[in-house]
Structure formats: C-alpha cells, structure tokens
C-alpha atoms as a PDB file:
ATOM      1  CA  MET A   1      -5.016 -25.680  39.098  1.00  0.00           C
ATOM      2  CA  SER A   2      -8.712 -24.893  39.349  1.00  0.00           C
ATOM      3  CA  THR A   3     -11.483 -27.295  38.414  1.00  0.00           C
ATOM      4  CA  THR A   4     -12.848 -27.568  34.886  1.00  0.00           C
ATOM      5  CA  PHE A   5     -15.526 -29.593  33.110  1.00  0.00           C
ATOM      6  CA  SER A   6     -14.379 -32.423  30.855  1.00  0.00           C
ATOM      7  CA  ARG A   7     -16.514 -31.131  27.980  1.00  0.00           C
ATOM      8  CA  SER A   8     -14.456 -27.922  27.971  1.00  0.00           C
ATOM      9  CA  LEU A   9     -11.378 -30.032  27.140  1.00  0.00           C
ATOM     10  CA  ALA A  10     -12.874 -31.505  23.973  1.00  0.00           C
ATOM     11  CA  LYS A  11     -10.793 -30.602  20.920  1.00  0.00           C
ATOM     12  CA  LYS A  12      -8.773 -28.079  22.948  1.00  0.00           C
ATOM     13  CA  LYS A  13      -5.260 -27.526  21.573  1.00  0.00           C
ATOM     14  CA  VAL A  14      -2.341 -28.910  23.571  1.00  0.00           C
ATOM     15  CA  MET A  15       0.898 -26.937  23.632  1.00  0.00           C
ATOM     16  CA  SER A  16       4.185 -27.718  25.358  1.00  0.00           C
ATOM     17  CA  ASN A  17       5.619 -25.282  27.871  1.00  0.00           C
ATOM     18  CA  ASP A  18       8.323 -24.429  25.313  1.00  0.00           C
ATOM     19  CA  GLY A  19       5.757 -23.288  22.716  1.00  0.00           C
ATOM     20  CA  ILE A  20       5.469 -26.365  20.489  1.00  0.00           C
ATOM     21  CA  LEU A  21       1.985 -27.350  19.281  1.00  0.00           C
ATOM     22  CA  VAL A  22       1.460 -30.969  20.371  1.00  0.00           C
ATOM     23  CA  GLY A  23      -2.029 -31.551  18.973  1.00  0.00           C
ATOM     24  CA  SER A  24      -5.622 -31.531  20.187  1.00  0.00           C
ATOM     25  CA  VAL A  25      -7.455 -33.473  22.887  1.00  0.00           C
ATOM     26  CA  ARG A  26      -9.679 -36.255  21.595  1.00  0.00           C
ATOM     27  CA  ASN A  27     -10.596 -37.902  24.901  1.00  0.00           C
ATOM     28  CA  ILE A  28      -9.503 -38.379  28.494  1.00  0.00           C
ATOM     29  CA  MET A  29      -8.743 -41.494  30.536  1.00  0.00           C
ATOM     30  CA  VAL A  30     -10.187 -41.516  34.069  1.00  0.00           C
ATOM     31  CA  ASP A  31      -9.656 -43.816  37.056  1.00  0.00           C
ATOM     32  CA  ILE A  32     -13.225 -44.985  37.765  1.00  0.00           C
ATOM     33  CA  LYS A  33     -12.620 -45.581  41.486  1.00  0.00           C
ATOM     34  CA  SER A  34     -10.975 -42.256  42.317  1.00  0.00           C
ATOM     35  CA  GLY A  35     -12.466 -40.122  39.537  1.00  0.00           C
ATOM     36  CA  GLN A  36      -9.052 -38.651  38.756  1.00  0.00           C
ATOM     37  CA  VAL A  37      -7.947 -37.973  35.195  1.00  0.00           C
ATOM     38  CA  ILE A  38      -5.014 -40.238  34.320  1.00  0.00           C
ATOM     39  CA  ASP A  39      -4.193 -39.351  30.704  1.00  0.00           C
ATOM     40  CA  LEU A  40      -5.135 -36.971  27.941  1.00  0.00           C
ATOM     41  CA  ILE A  41      -5.647 -38.792  24.650  1.00  0.00           C
ATOM     42  CA  VAL A  42      -4.243 -36.439  22.027  1.00  0.00           C
ATOM     43  CA  MET A  43      -4.335 -36.461  18.235  1.00  0.00           C
ATOM     44  CA  PRO A  44      -0.838 -35.165  17.479  1.00  0.00           C
ATOM     45  CA  ASP A  45      -0.257 -32.298  15.068  1.00  0.00           C
ATOM     46  CA  ASP A  46       1.303 -33.400  11.766  1.00  0.00           C
ATOM     47  CA  THR A  47       4.501 -31.500  12.584  1.00  0.00           C
ATOM     48  CA  PHE A  48       4.900 -32.927  16.112  1.00  0.00           C
ATOM     49  CA  ASP A  49       7.554 -35.620  16.705  1.00  0.00           C
ATOM     50  CA  THR A  50       5.811 -38.371  18.709  1.00  0.00           C
ATOM     51  CA  ALA A  51       8.988 -40.376  19.405  1.00  0.00           C
ATOM     52  CA  GLY A  52       9.154 -41.308  23.082  1.00  0.00           C
ATOM     53  CA  TYR A  53       5.445 -40.854  23.726  1.00  0.00           C
ATOM     54  CA  GLN A  54       3.117 -43.712  24.619  1.00  0.00           C
ATOM     55  CA  ALA A  55       0.903 -44.327  21.606  1.00  0.00           C
ATOM     56  CA  ASP A  56      -2.621 -45.678  21.276  1.00  0.00           C
ATOM     57  CA  GLY A  57      -3.043 -46.206  17.547  1.00  0.00           C
ATOM     58  CA  ASP A  58      -2.582 -42.838  15.876  1.00  0.00           C
ATOM     59  CA  ARG A  59      -3.049 -40.958  19.153  1.00  0.00           C
ATOM     60  CA  ILE A  60      -0.617 -40.289  22.001  1.00  0.00           C
ATOM     61  CA  LEU A  61      -1.249 -40.464  25.735  1.00  0.00           C
ATOM     62  CA  ILE A  62      -0.078 -37.579  27.877  1.00  0.00           C
ATOM     63  CA  PRO A  63      -0.132 -38.131  31.649  1.00  0.00           C
ATOM     64  CA  PHE A  64      -2.380 -35.606  33.355  1.00  0.00           C
ATOM     65  CA  GLU A  65       0.417 -34.861  35.836  1.00  0.00           C
ATOM     66  CA  ALA A  66       2.230 -33.143  32.938  1.00  0.00           C
ATOM     67  CA  VAL A  67      -0.569 -30.544  32.620  1.00  0.00           C
ATOM     68  CA  LYS A  68       0.592 -27.170  33.907  1.00  0.00           C
ATOM     69  CA  ASP A  69      -2.287 -24.900  32.866  1.00  0.00           C
ATOM     70  CA  ILE A  70      -5.677 -25.047  31.167  1.00  0.00           C
ATOM     71  CA  ARG A  71      -6.925 -21.863  29.537  1.00  0.00           C
ATOM     72  CA  ASP A  72      -7.057 -21.168  25.791  1.00  0.00           C
ATOM     73  CA  TYR A  73      -4.580 -24.049  25.395  1.00  0.00           C
ATOM     74  CA  ILE A  74      -3.717 -26.970  27.604  1.00  0.00           C
ATOM     75  CA  VAL A  75      -0.079 -26.377  28.489  1.00  0.00           C
ATOM     76  CA  VAL A  76       1.967 -29.480  29.275  1.00  0.00           C
ATOM     77  CA  ASP A  77       5.527 -30.042  30.410  1.00  0.00           C
ATOM     78  CA  ARG A  78       7.112 -31.738  27.398  1.00  0.00           C
ATOM     79  CA  TYR A  79       9.493 -33.808  29.502  1.00  0.00           C
ATOM     80  CA  LEU A  80       6.829 -35.026  31.941  1.00  0.00           C
ATOM     81  CA  SER A  81       4.615 -35.840  28.956  1.00  0.00           C
ATOM     82  CA  LYS A  82       6.737 -38.814  27.996  1.00  0.00           C
ATOM     83  CA  LYS A  83       5.708 -41.859  30.015  1.00  0.00           C
ATOM     84  CA  GLN A  84       8.339 -44.107  31.474  1.00  0.00           C
ATOM     85  CA  MET A  85       7.714 -47.549  30.015  1.00  0.00           C
END
C-alpha cells in the first residue's frame, strides 16, 4: 500500500472486501512512539451489523492491518476487522 495523508481519510467511506458498506472514518488511532496507525475509528452505517466489533461508544474500531486498499473507499477485510478480545 502506498502512503497517504491522514486528512485524506477524513469521512472516507469504509467498505468490506465483500461489498458491504461498513460506515465512514471519523478518526484514526496512532501509536505515538512508532507513528503507525493502529485503528480506524468508524461511524458504522445504520444497516451494518456491528456484532463482534470492538466498540468505542457509538463507533467501532477497525484494526489498520485489516485495510486492503485506500482509493475512493477504504476497503477492509471483514474478518480481520473484528478484533480478538
């Protein structure tokens, strides 16, 4: 994956690799020491089933390792998106 600016992620739609609209990015979580993105903080779409996802209030956290592509949408692997708790 190529590099991208964090501001280009703001409010970008998140879609699973099987074509389901997950929601839109509201923020990102970054490791301050390494500078690596850890999680996408996503406001889920009303039709998206959030069961099994780590929640932060009304938002869900999607591990950045689940991101497969960033273009018009952020494409995530739906199965990697669910954090092991």
